[in-house]
Amino acid sequence: MSCIFCGIANGEVEAEVIGEGDRWIAFRDTNPQAPTHVLVVPREHIESLSALEESRTELAGELLRAAASMARQEGLEAGYRVVANTWSDGGQTVPHLHLHLLGGRKLRWPPG
């Protein structure tokens, strides 16, 4: 297995899963950057946001809805941030599309 997120999505790699749907899975980041740091990942291997083809528009919406649902589940009523790092200059370290759901404290801007 070459992709850790594919392994998590397939149940081959252990993770603290907090939610899932037919086409996505959400789990806690092992290196959290905020009190709440959840990753929302498509089960299908897509390398990055840039690789998300127009035919996957419905999946993109489903991932965003999942992030909002996980934010509600995590009690982030005061606010949260959803980030998709893309490629190395954008901070992407795992070549599998994923959304970072960050919250639980006041987030600053600009982020990086």
PDB file of N, CA and C in Angstrom:
ATOM      1  N   MET A   1       0.860  -1.180   0.000  1.00  0.00           N
ATOM      2  CA  MET A   1       0.000   0.000   0.000  1.00  0.00           C
ATOM      3  C   MET A   1       0.900   1.235   0.000  1.00  0.00           C
ATOM      4  N   SER A   2       0.693   2.089  -0.963  1.00  0.00           N
ATOM      5  CA  SER A   2       1.550   3.263  -1.076  1.00  0.00           C
ATOM      6  C   SER A   2       0.908   4.531  -0.512  1.00  0.00           C
ATOM      7  N   CYS A   3      -0.397   4.569  -0.374  1.00  0.00           N
ATOM      8  CA  CYS A   3      -1.075   5.775   0.109  1.00  0.00           C
ATOM      9  C   CYS A   3      -1.690   5.517   1.482  1.00  0.00           C
ATOM     10  N   ILE A   4      -1.214   6.253   2.469  1.00  0.00           N
ATOM     11  CA  ILE A   4      -1.714   6.067   3.834  1.00  0.00           C
ATOM     12  C   ILE A   4      -3.207   6.359   3.948  1.00  0.00           C
ATOM     13  N   PHE A   5      -3.688   7.390   3.227  1.00  0.00           N
ATOM     14  CA  PHE A   5      -5.108   7.719   3.323  1.00  0.00           C
ATOM     15  C   PHE A   5      -5.977   6.663   2.657  1.00  0.00           C
ATOM     16  N   CYS A   6      -5.494   6.038   1.599  1.00  0.00           N
ATOM     17  CA  CYS A   6      -6.227   4.910   1.001  1.00  0.00           C
ATOM     18  C   CYS A   6      -6.294   3.765   2.007  1.00  0.00           C
ATOM     19  N   GLY A   7      -5.181   3.533   2.723  1.00  0.00           N
ATOM     20  CA  GLY A   7      -5.162   2.492   3.743  1.00  0.00           C
ATOM     21  C   GLY A   7      -6.156   2.760   4.856  1.00  0.00           C
ATOM     22  N   ILE A   8      -6.266   4.000   5.286  1.00  0.00           N
ATOM     23  CA  ILE A   8      -7.249   4.361   6.313  1.00  0.00           C
ATOM     24  C   ILE A   8      -8.659   4.163   5.769  1.00  0.00           C
ATOM     25  N   ALA A   9      -8.902   4.652   4.551  1.00  0.00           N
ATOM     26  CA  ALA A   9     -10.236   4.534   3.951  1.00  0.00           C
ATOM     27  C   ALA A   9     -10.661   3.082   3.773  1.00  0.00           C
ATOM     28  N   ASN A  10      -9.690   2.202   3.519  1.00  0.00           N
ATOM     29  CA  ASN A  10      -9.987   0.780   3.328  1.00  0.00           C
ATOM     30  C   ASN A  10      -9.965  -0.022   4.625  1.00  0.00           C
ATOM     31  N   GLY A  11      -9.689   0.627   5.750  1.00  0.00           N
ATOM     32  CA  GLY A  11      -9.644  -0.064   7.030  1.00  0.00           C
ATOM     33  C   GLY A  11      -8.370  -0.855   7.267  1.00  0.00           C
ATOM     34  N   GLU A  12      -7.345  -0.626   6.452  1.00  0.00           N
ATOM     35  CA  GLU A  12      -6.077  -1.340   6.590  1.00  0.00           C
ATOM     36  C   GLU A  12      -5.110  -0.631   7.527  1.00  0.00           C
ATOM     37  N   VAL A  13      -5.319   0.658   7.744  1.00  0.00           N
ATOM     38  CA  VAL A  13      -4.479   1.467   8.631  1.00  0.00           C
ATOM     39  C   VAL A  13      -5.387   2.048   9.705  1.00  0.00           C
ATOM     40  N   GLU A  14      -4.959   1.950  10.943  1.00  0.00           N
ATOM     41  CA  GLU A  14      -5.762   2.435  12.063  1.00  0.00           C
ATOM     42  C   GLU A  14      -5.773   3.954  12.114  1.00  0.00           C
ATOM     43  N   ALA A  15      -6.931   4.511  12.428  1.00  0.00           N
ATOM     44  CA  ALA A  15      -7.103   5.954  12.610  1.00  0.00           C
ATOM     45  C   ALA A  15      -8.292   6.166  13.535  1.00  0.00           C
ATOM     46  N   GLU A  16      -8.346   7.350  14.153  1.00  0.00           N
ATOM     47  CA  GLU A  16      -9.496   7.685  14.999  1.00  0.00           C
ATOM     48  C   GLU A  16     -10.585   8.280  14.104  1.00  0.00           C
ATOM     49  N   VAL A  17     -11.405   7.397  13.554  1.00  0.00           N
ATOM     50  CA  VAL A  17     -12.463   7.790  12.629  1.00  0.00           C
ATOM     51  C   VAL A  17     -13.600   8.413  13.424  1.00  0.00           C
ATOM     52  N   ILE A  18     -14.068   9.584  12.962  1.00  0.00           N
ATOM     53  CA  ILE A  18     -15.177  10.250  13.652  1.00  0.00           C
ATOM     54  C   ILE A  18     -16.434  10.341  12.791  1.00  0.00           C
ATOM     55  N   GLY A  19     -16.313   9.998  11.514  1.00  0.00           N
ATOM     56  CA  GLY A  19     -17.476  10.013  10.637  1.00  0.00           C
ATOM     57  C   GLY A  19     -17.132   9.412   9.293  1.00  0.00           C
ATOM     58  N   GLU A  20     -18.152   8.950   8.600  1.00  0.00           N
ATOM     59  CA  GLU A  20     -17.912   8.416   7.271  1.00  0.00           C
ATOM     60  C   GLU A  20     -19.199   8.352   6.471  1.00  0.00           C
ATOM     61  N   GLY A  21     -19.015   8.382   5.168  1.00  0.00           N
ATOM     62  CA  GLY A  21     -20.101   8.216   4.226  1.00  0.00           C
ATOM     63  C   GLY A  21     -19.659   7.220   3.168  1.00  0.00           C
ATOM     64  N   ASP A  22     -20.491   7.003   2.185  1.00  0.00           N
ATOM     65  CA  ASP A  22     -20.147   6.048   1.133  1.00  0.00           C
ATOM     66  C   ASP A  22     -18.879   6.448   0.395  1.00  0.00           C
ATOM     67  N   ARG A  23     -18.661   7.772   0.208  1.00  0.00           N
ATOM     68  CA  ARG A  23     -17.538   8.225  -0.615  1.00  0.00           C
ATOM     69  C   ARG A  23     -16.476   9.008   0.146  1.00  0.00           C
ATOM     70  N   TRP A  24     -16.589   9.082   1.469  1.00  0.00           N
ATOM     71  CA  TRP A  24     -15.623   9.845   2.261  1.00  0.00           C
ATOM     72  C   TRP A  24     -15.456   9.242   3.645  1.00  0.00           C
ATOM     73  N   ILE A  25     -14.380   9.637   4.308  1.00  0.00           N
ATOM     74  CA  ILE A  25     -14.126   9.240   5.691  1.00  0.00           C
ATOM     75  C   ILE A  25     -13.479  10.436   6.401  1.00  0.00           C
ATOM     76  N   ALA A  26     -13.784  10.615   7.669  1.00  0.00           N
ATOM     77  CA  ALA A  26     -13.230  11.716   8.467  1.00  0.00           C
ATOM     78  C   ALA A  26     -12.555  11.128   9.697  1.00  0.00           C
ATOM     79  N   PHE A  27     -11.339  11.610   9.975  1.00  0.00           N
ATOM     80  CA  PHE A  27     -10.585  11.102  11.113  1.00  0.00           C
ATOM     81  C   PHE A  27      -9.702  12.212  11.680  1.00  0.00           C
ATOM     82  N   ARG A  28      -9.277  12.026  12.915  1.00  0.00           N
ATOM     83  CA  ARG A  28      -8.441  13.021  13.586  1.00  0.00           C
ATOM     84  C   ARG A  28      -7.021  12.999  13.018  1.00  0.00           C
ATOM     85  N   ASP A  29      -6.457  14.190  12.832  1.00  0.00           N
ATOM     86  CA  ASP A  29      -5.080  14.315  12.365  1.00  0.00           C
ATOM     87  C   ASP A  29      -4.146  13.876  13.487  1.00  0.00           C
ATOM     88  N   THR A  30      -3.105  13.129  13.148  1.00  0.00           N
ATOM     89  CA  THR A  30      -2.161  12.659  14.169  1.00  0.00           C
ATOM     90  C   THR A  30      -1.161  13.740  14.586  1.00  0.00           C
ATOM     91  N   ASN A  31      -1.128  14.849  13.860  1.00  0.00           N
ATOM     92  CA  ASN A  31      -0.262  15.975  14.195  1.00  0.00           C
ATOM     93  C   ASN A  31      -1.121  17.245  14.196  1.00  0.00           C
ATOM     94  N   PRO A  32      -2.023  17.372  15.180  1.00  0.00           N
ATOM     95  CA  PRO A  32      -3.005  18.460  15.149  1.00  0.00           C
ATOM     96  C   PRO A  32      -2.380  19.848  15.234  1.00  0.00           C
ATOM     97  N   GLN A  33      -2.924  20.761  14.432  1.00  0.00           N
ATOM     98  CA  GLN A  33      -2.480  22.151  14.399  1.00  0.00           C
ATOM     99  C   GLN A  33      -3.476  23.076  15.102  1.00  0.00           C
ATOM    100  N   ALA A  34      -4.518  22.503  15.683  1.00  0.00           N
ATOM    101  CA  ALA A  34      -5.535  23.237  16.449  1.00  0.00           C
ATOM    102  C   ALA A  34      -6.167  22.224  17.399  1.00  0.00           C
ATOM    103  N   PRO A  35      -6.889  22.693  18.426  1.00  0.00           N
ATOM    104  CA  PRO A  35      -7.525  21.750  19.346  1.00  0.00           C
ATOM    105  C   PRO A  35      -8.405  20.714  18.629  1.00  0.00           C
ATOM    106  N   THR A  36      -9.092  21.144  17.590  1.00  0.00           N
ATOM    107  CA  THR A  36      -9.823  20.209  16.729  1.00  0.00           C
ATOM    108  C   THR A  36      -9.156  20.250  15.366  1.00  0.00           C
ATOM    109  N   HIS A  37      -8.671  19.104  14.918  1.00  0.00           N
ATOM    110  CA  HIS A  37      -8.041  19.000  13.599  1.00  0.00           C
ATOM    111  C   HIS A  37      -8.461  17.655  13.008  1.00  0.00           C
ATOM    112  N   VAL A  38      -9.393  17.726  12.087  1.00  0.00           N
ATOM    113  CA  VAL A  38      -9.980  16.547  11.453  1.00  0.00           C
ATOM    114  C   VAL A  38      -9.657  16.586   9.964  1.00  0.00           C
ATOM    115  N   LEU A  39      -9.374  15.437   9.392  1.00  0.00           N
ATOM    116  CA  LEU A  39      -9.171  15.325   7.947  1.00  0.00           C
ATOM    117  C   LEU A  39     -10.394  14.664   7.336  1.00  0.00           C
ATOM    118  N   VAL A  40     -10.899  15.250   6.256  1.00  0.00           N
ATOM    119  CA  VAL A  40     -12.011  14.684   5.494  1.00  0.00           C
ATOM    120  C   VAL A  40     -11.423  14.261   4.152  1.00  0.00           C
ATOM    121  N   VAL A  41     -11.520  12.968   3.862  1.00  0.00           N
ATOM    122  CA  VAL A  41     -10.791  12.358   2.755  1.00  0.00           C
ATOM    123  C   VAL A  41     -11.745  11.570   1.864  1.00  0.00           C
ATOM    124  N   PRO A  42     -11.656  11.737   0.548  1.00  0.00           N
ATOM    125  CA  PRO A  42     -12.457  10.870  -0.319  1.00  0.00           C
ATOM    126  C   PRO A  42     -11.900   9.446  -0.269  1.00  0.00           C
ATOM    127  N   ARG A  43     -12.776   8.471  -0.334  1.00  0.00           N
ATOM    128  CA  ARG A  43     -12.324   7.075  -0.355  1.00  0.00           C
ATOM    129  C   ARG A  43     -11.568   6.777  -1.649  1.00  0.00           C
ATOM    130  N   GLU A  44     -11.973   7.423  -2.713  1.00  0.00           N
ATOM    131  CA  GLU A  44     -11.313   7.276  -4.010  1.00  0.00           C
ATOM    132  C   GLU A  44      -9.991   8.035  -3.987  1.00  0.00           C
ATOM    133  N   HIS A  45      -8.955   7.440  -4.548  1.00  0.00           N
ATOM    134  CA  HIS A  45      -7.660   8.119  -4.576  1.00  0.00           C
ATOM    135  C   HIS A  45      -7.671   9.204  -5.657  1.00  0.00           C
ATOM    136  N   ILE A  46      -7.570  10.449  -5.200  1.00  0.00           N
ATOM    137  CA  ILE A  46      -7.420  11.622  -6.063  1.00  0.00           C
ATOM    138  C   ILE A  46      -6.230  12.362  -5.472  1.00  0.00           C
ATOM    139  N   GLU A  47      -5.224  12.652  -6.278  1.00  0.00           N
ATOM    140  CA  GLU A  47      -3.967  13.182  -5.741  1.00  0.00           C
ATOM    141  C   GLU A  47      -4.081  14.523  -5.032  1.00  0.00           C
ATOM    142  N   SER A  48      -4.890  15.431  -5.558  1.00  0.00           N
ATOM    143  CA  SER A  48      -4.965  16.762  -4.960  1.00  0.00           C
ATOM    144  C   SER A  48      -6.218  17.471  -5.458  1.00  0.00           C
ATOM    145  N   LEU A  49      -6.434  18.655  -4.937  1.00  0.00           N
ATOM    146  CA  LEU A  49      -7.541  19.475  -5.411  1.00  0.00           C
ATOM    147  C   LEU A  49      -7.382  19.777  -6.895  1.00  0.00           C
ATOM    148  N   SER A  50      -6.133  19.991  -7.340  1.00  0.00           N
ATOM    149  CA  SER A  50      -5.871  20.256  -8.755  1.00  0.00           C
ATOM    150  C   SER A  50      -6.235  19.074  -9.646  1.00  0.00           C
ATOM    151  N   ALA A  51      -6.196  17.877  -9.110  1.00  0.00           N
ATOM    152  CA  ALA A  51      -6.507  16.678  -9.876  1.00  0.00           C
ATOM    153  C   ALA A  51      -7.998  16.327  -9.844  1.00  0.00           C
ATOM    154  N   LEU A  52      -8.784  17.119  -9.136  1.00  0.00           N
ATOM    155  CA  LEU A  52     -10.223  16.867  -9.034  1.00  0.00           C
ATOM    156  C   LEU A  52     -10.893  17.327 -10.323  1.00  0.00           C
ATOM    157  N   GLU A  53     -11.283  16.384 -11.142  1.00  0.00           N
ATOM    158  CA  GLU A  53     -11.857  16.691 -12.448  1.00  0.00           C
ATOM    159  C   GLU A  53     -13.278  17.219 -12.326  1.00  0.00           C
ATOM    160  N   GLU A  54     -13.718  17.903 -13.366  1.00  0.00           N
ATOM    161  CA  GLU A  54     -15.062  18.473 -13.394  1.00  0.00           C
ATOM    162  C   GLU A  54     -16.128  17.405 -13.176  1.00  0.00           C
ATOM    163  N   SER A  55     -15.862  16.195 -13.614  1.00  0.00           N
ATOM    164  CA  SER A  55     -16.822  15.101 -13.432  1.00  0.00           C
ATOM    165  C   SER A  55     -16.990  14.732 -11.962  1.00  0.00           C
ATOM    166  N   ARG A  56     -16.140  15.252 -11.101  1.00  0.00           N
ATOM    167  CA  ARG A  56     -16.202  14.963  -9.657  1.00  0.00           C
ATOM    168  C   ARG A  56     -16.779  16.135  -8.860  1.00  0.00           C
ATOM    169  N   THR A  57     -17.497  17.033  -9.517  1.00  0.00           N
ATOM    170  CA  THR A  57     -18.071  18.193  -8.832  1.00  0.00           C
ATOM    171  C   THR A  57     -18.983  17.766  -7.681  1.00  0.00           C
ATOM    172  N   GLU A  58     -19.769  16.738  -7.884  1.00  0.00           N
ATOM    173  CA  GLU A  58     -20.666  16.259  -6.828  1.00  0.00           C
ATOM    174  C   GLU A  58     -19.869  15.765  -5.615  1.00  0.00           C
ATOM    175  N   LEU A  59     -18.778  15.074  -5.859  1.00  0.00           N
ATOM    176  CA  LEU A  59     -17.918  14.606  -4.774  1.00  0.00           C
ATOM    177  C   LEU A  59     -17.333  15.791  -4.005  1.00  0.00           C
ATOM    178  N   ALA A  60     -16.901  16.822  -4.710  1.00  0.00           N
ATOM    179  CA  ALA A  60     -16.356  18.013  -4.052  1.00  0.00           C
ATOM    180  C   ALA A  60     -17.386  18.615  -3.098  1.00  0.00           C
ATOM    181  N   GLY A  61     -18.617  18.731  -3.550  1.00  0.00           N
ATOM    182  CA  GLY A  61     -19.680  19.244  -2.691  1.00  0.00           C
ATOM    183  C   GLY A  61     -19.934  18.341  -1.497  1.00  0.00           C
ATOM    184  N   GLU A  62     -19.873  17.050  -1.719  1.00  0.00           N
ATOM    185  CA  GLU A  62     -20.085  16.098  -0.637  1.00  0.00           C
ATOM    186  C   GLU A  62     -18.986  16.205   0.428  1.00  0.00           C
ATOM    187  N   LEU A  63     -17.749  16.428  -0.011  1.00  0.00           N
ATOM    188  CA  LEU A  63     -16.649  16.604   0.944  1.00  0.00           C
ATOM    189  C   LEU A  63     -16.846  17.863   1.784  1.00  0.00           C
ATOM    190  N   LEU A  64     -17.286  18.937   1.151  1.00  0.00           N
ATOM    191  CA  LEU A  64     -17.537  20.181   1.897  1.00  0.00           C
ATOM    192  C   LEU A  64     -18.703  20.013   2.872  1.00  0.00           C
ATOM    193  N   ARG A  65     -19.757  19.345   2.430  1.00  0.00           N
ATOM    194  CA  ARG A  65     -20.884  19.083   3.337  1.00  0.00           C
ATOM    195  C   ARG A  65     -20.444  18.212   4.513  1.00  0.00           C
ATOM    196  N   ALA A  66     -19.572  17.230   4.236  1.00  0.00           N
ATOM    197  CA  ALA A  66     -19.055  16.368   5.302  1.00  0.00           C
ATOM    198  C   ALA A  66     -18.246  17.187   6.307  1.00  0.00           C
ATOM    199  N   ALA A  67     -17.420  18.103   5.821  1.00  0.00           N
ATOM    200  CA  ALA A  67     -16.634  18.950   6.722  1.00  0.00           C
ATOM    201  C   ALA A  67     -17.553  19.783   7.613  1.00  0.00           C
ATOM    202  N   ALA A  68     -18.601  20.353   7.039  1.00  0.00           N
ATOM    203  CA  ALA A  68     -19.552  21.147   7.838  1.00  0.00           C
ATOM    204  C   ALA A  68     -20.263  20.270   8.859  1.00  0.00           C
ATOM    205  N   SER A  69     -20.614  19.065   8.475  1.00  0.00           N
ATOM    206  CA  SER A  69     -21.266  18.134   9.392  1.00  0.00           C
ATOM    207  C   SER A  69     -20.329  17.744  10.539  1.00  0.00           C
ATOM    208  N   MET A  70     -19.064  17.500  10.223  1.00  0.00           N
ATOM    209  CA  MET A  70     -18.094  17.149  11.262  1.00  0.00           C
ATOM    210  C   MET A  70     -17.868  18.342  12.194  1.00  0.00           C
ATOM    211  N   ALA A  71     -17.898  19.570  11.668  1.00  0.00           N
ATOM    212  CA  ALA A  71     -17.759  20.766  12.504  1.00  0.00           C
ATOM    213  C   ALA A  71     -18.912  20.852  13.502  1.00  0.00           C
ATOM    214  N   ARG A  72     -20.125  20.598  13.037  1.00  0.00           N
ATOM    215  CA  ARG A  72     -21.279  20.590  13.956  1.00  0.00           C
ATOM    216  C   ARG A  72     -21.106  19.500  15.004  1.00  0.00           C
ATOM    217  N   GLN A  73     -20.721  18.314  14.562  1.00  0.00           N
ATOM    218  CA  GLN A  73     -20.530  17.180  15.469  1.00  0.00           C
ATOM    219  C   GLN A  73     -19.467  17.486  16.529  1.00  0.00           C
ATOM    220  N   GLU A  74     -18.436  18.230  16.148  1.00  0.00           N
ATOM    221  CA  GLU A  74     -17.337  18.567  17.051  1.00  0.00           C
ATOM    222  C   GLU A  74     -17.638  19.798  17.913  1.00  0.00           C
ATOM    223  N   GLY A  75     -18.807  20.415  17.732  1.00  0.00           N
ATOM    224  CA  GLY A  75     -19.197  21.554  18.553  1.00  0.00           C
ATOM    225  C   GLY A  75     -18.473  22.842  18.228  1.00  0.00           C
ATOM    226  N   LEU A  76     -18.162  23.051  16.968  1.00  0.00           N
ATOM    227  CA  LEU A  76     -17.412  24.238  16.559  1.00  0.00           C
ATOM    228  C   LEU A  76     -18.338  25.403  16.192  1.00  0.00           C
ATOM    229  N   GLU A  77     -19.318  25.686  17.059  1.00  0.00           N
ATOM    230  CA  GLU A  77     -20.295  26.743  16.793  1.00  0.00           C
ATOM    231  C   GLU A  77     -19.653  28.121  16.668  1.00  0.00           C
ATOM    232  N   ALA A  78     -18.525  28.356  17.352  1.00  0.00           N
ATOM    233  CA  ALA A  78     -17.870  29.673  17.316  1.00  0.00           C
ATOM    234  C   ALA A  78     -17.123  29.915  16.009  1.00  0.00           C
ATOM    235  N   GLY A  79     -16.924  28.878  15.223  1.00  0.00           N
ATOM    236  CA  GLY A  79     -16.262  29.027  13.934  1.00  0.00           C
ATOM    237  C   GLY A  79     -15.194  27.981  13.699  1.00  0.00           C
ATOM    238  N   TYR A  80     -14.815  27.858  12.454  1.00  0.00           N
ATOM    239  CA  TYR A  80     -13.807  26.880  12.058  1.00  0.00           C
ATOM    240  C   TYR A  80     -13.265  27.260  10.689  1.00  0.00           C
ATOM    241  N   ARG A  81     -12.228  26.549  10.269  1.00  0.00           N
ATOM    242  CA  ARG A  81     -11.623  26.773   8.961  1.00  0.00           C
ATOM    243  C   ARG A  81     -11.532  25.431   8.242  1.00  0.00           C
ATOM    244  N   VAL A  82     -11.760  25.447   6.925  1.00  0.00           N
ATOM    245  CA  VAL A  82     -11.577  24.275   6.076  1.00  0.00           C
ATOM    246  C   VAL A  82     -10.508  24.634   5.048  1.00  0.00           C
ATOM    247  N   VAL A  83      -9.452  23.807   4.973  1.00  0.00           N
ATOM    248  CA  VAL A  83      -8.307  24.083   4.118  1.00  0.00           C
ATOM    249  C   VAL A  83      -8.000  22.861   3.256  1.00  0.00           C
ATOM    250  N   ALA A  84      -7.669  23.104   1.997  1.00  0.00           N
ATOM    251  CA  ALA A  84      -7.165  22.045   1.116  1.00  0.00           C
ATOM    252  C   ALA A  84      -5.791  22.483   0.631  1.00  0.00           C
ATOM    253  N   ASN A  85      -4.747  21.968   1.255  1.00  0.00           N
ATOM    254  CA  ASN A  85      -3.393  22.255   0.798  1.00  0.00           C
ATOM    255  C   ASN A  85      -3.172  21.520  -0.522  1.00  0.00           C
ATOM    256  N   THR A  86      -2.504  22.191  -1.471  1.00  0.00           N
ATOM    257  CA  THR A  86      -2.326  21.590  -2.792  1.00  0.00           C
ATOM    258  C   THR A  86      -0.873  21.673  -3.224  1.00  0.00           C
ATOM    259  N   TRP A  87      -0.318  20.512  -3.523  1.00  0.00           N
ATOM    260  CA  TRP A  87       1.066  20.330  -3.960  1.00  0.00           C
ATOM    261  C   TRP A  87       2.038  20.830  -2.895  1.00  0.00           C
ATOM    262  N   SER A  88       3.319  20.646  -3.113  1.00  0.00           N
ATOM    263  CA  SER A  88       4.317  20.895  -2.066  1.00  0.00           C
ATOM    264  C   SER A  88       4.388  22.364  -1.647  1.00  0.00           C
ATOM    265  N   ASP A  89       4.327  23.302  -2.589  1.00  0.00           N
ATOM    266  CA  ASP A  89       4.379  24.720  -2.212  1.00  0.00           C
ATOM    267  C   ASP A  89       3.137  25.146  -1.431  1.00  0.00           C
ATOM    268  N   GLY A  90       2.052  24.425  -1.585  1.00  0.00           N
ATOM    269  CA  GLY A  90       0.831  24.715  -0.837  1.00  0.00           C
ATOM    270  C   GLY A  90       0.766  23.998   0.496  1.00  0.00           C
ATOM    271  N   GLY A  91       1.782  23.188   0.808  1.00  0.00           N
ATOM    272  CA  GLY A  91       1.837  22.508   2.095  1.00  0.00           C
ATOM    273  C   GLY A  91       1.262  21.103   2.102  1.00  0.00           C
ATOM    274  N   GLN A  92       0.920  20.550   0.937  1.00  0.00           N
ATOM    275  CA  GLN A  92       0.368  19.193   0.889  1.00  0.00           C
ATOM    276  C   GLN A  92       1.484  18.180   1.125  1.00  0.00           C
ATOM    277  N   THR A  93       1.346  17.347   2.152  1.00  0.00           N
ATOM    278  CA  THR A  93       2.378  16.361   2.475  1.00  0.00           C
ATOM    279  C   THR A  93       1.962  14.933   2.133  1.00  0.00           C
ATOM    280  N   VAL A  94       0.666  14.689   1.972  1.00  0.00           N
ATOM    281  CA  VAL A  94       0.176  13.375   1.561  1.00  0.00           C
ATOM    282  C   VAL A  94      -0.506  13.558   0.213  1.00  0.00           C
ATOM    283  N   PRO A  95      -0.048  12.862  -0.827  1.00  0.00           N
ATOM    284  CA  PRO A  95      -0.612  13.053  -2.164  1.00  0.00           C
ATOM    285  C   PRO A  95      -1.950  12.337  -2.350  1.00  0.00           C
ATOM    286  N   HIS A  96      -2.920  12.740  -1.552  1.00  0.00           N
ATOM    287  CA  HIS A  96      -4.299  12.259  -1.616  1.00  0.00           C
ATOM    288  C   HIS A  96      -5.148  13.446  -1.168  1.00  0.00           C
ATOM    289  N   LEU A  97      -6.071  13.857  -1.989  1.00  0.00           N
ATOM    290  CA  LEU A  97      -6.931  14.998  -1.655  1.00  0.00           C
ATOM    291  C   LEU A  97      -7.495  14.846  -0.245  1.00  0.00           C
ATOM    292  N   HIS A  98      -7.409  15.907   0.524  1.00  0.00           N
ATOM    293  CA  HIS A  98      -8.004  15.901   1.862  1.00  0.00           C
ATOM    294  C   HIS A  98      -8.284  17.335   2.303  1.00  0.00           C
ATOM    295  N   LEU A  99      -9.332  17.468   3.077  1.00  0.00           N
ATOM    296  CA  LEU A  99      -9.697  18.755   3.664  1.00  0.00           C
ATOM    297  C   LEU A  99      -9.313  18.731   5.134  1.00  0.00           C
ATOM    298  N   HIS A 100      -8.689  19.794   5.587  1.00  0.00           N
ATOM    299  CA  HIS A 100      -8.377  19.969   7.006  1.00  0.00           C
ATOM    300  C   HIS A 100      -9.523  20.775   7.623  1.00  0.00           C
ATOM    301  N   LEU A 101     -10.131  20.261   8.657  1.00  0.00           N
ATOM    302  CA  LEU A 101     -11.119  20.982   9.450  1.00  0.00           C
ATOM    303  C   LEU A 101     -10.418  21.387  10.739  1.00  0.00           C
ATOM    304  N   LEU A 102     -10.255  22.698  10.934  1.00  0.00           N
ATOM    305  CA  LEU A 102      -9.527  23.235  12.079  1.00  0.00           C
ATOM    306  C   LEU A 102     -10.440  24.109  12.918  1.00  0.00           C
ATOM    307  N   GLY A 103     -10.376  23.966  14.228  1.00  0.00           N
ATOM    308  CA  GLY A 103     -11.197  24.800  15.102  1.00  0.00           C
ATOM    309  C   GLY A 103     -10.856  24.559  16.559  1.00  0.00           C
ATOM    310  N   GLY A 104     -11.681  25.118  17.416  1.00  0.00           N
ATOM    311  CA  GLY A 104     -11.471  24.956  18.849  1.00  0.00           C
ATOM    312  C   GLY A 104     -10.673  26.080  19.479  1.00  0.00           C
ATOM    313  N   ARG A 105     -10.260  27.050  18.664  1.00  0.00           N
ATOM    314  CA  ARG A 105      -9.577  28.255  19.149  1.00  0.00           C
ATOM    315  C   ARG A 105      -9.750  29.326  18.077  1.00  0.00           C
ATOM    316  N   LYS A 106      -9.442  30.559  18.428  1.00  0.00           N
ATOM    317  CA  LYS A 106      -9.505  31.638  17.445  1.00  0.00           C
ATOM    318  C   LYS A 106      -8.369  31.437  16.453  1.00  0.00           C
ATOM    319  N   LEU A 107      -8.690  31.356  15.186  1.00  0.00           N
ATOM    320  CA  LEU A 107      -7.710  31.157  14.124  1.00  0.00           C
ATOM    321  C   LEU A 107      -7.267  32.501  13.571  1.00  0.00           C
ATOM    322  N   ARG A 108      -6.002  32.644  13.313  1.00  0.00           N
ATOM    323  CA  ARG A 108      -5.450  33.911  12.842  1.00  0.00           C
ATOM    324  C   ARG A 108      -5.386  33.956  11.322  1.00  0.00           C
ATOM    325  N   TRP A 109      -5.263  35.178  10.812  1.00  0.00           N
ATOM    326  CA  TRP A 109      -5.107  35.385   9.375  1.00  0.00           C
ATOM    327  C   TRP A 109      -4.038  36.441   9.153  1.00  0.00           C
ATOM    328  N   PRO A 110      -3.144  36.310   8.237  1.00  0.00           N
ATOM    329  CA  PRO A 110      -3.014  35.195   7.298  1.00  0.00           C
ATOM    330  C   PRO A 110      -2.434  33.965   7.987  1.00  0.00           C
ATOM    331  N   PRO A 111      -2.778  32.768   7.473  1.00  0.00           N
ATOM    332  CA  PRO A 111      -2.382  31.526   8.141  1.00  0.00           C
ATOM    333  C   PRO A 111      -0.917  31.158   7.949  1.00  0.00           C
ATOM    334  N   GLY A 112      -0.254  31.549   6.864  1.00  0.00           N
ATOM    335  CA  GLY A 112       1.087  31.052   6.690  1.00  0.00           C
ATOM    336  C   GLY A 112       1.955  32.016   5.988  1.00  0.00           C
TER     337      GLY A 112
END
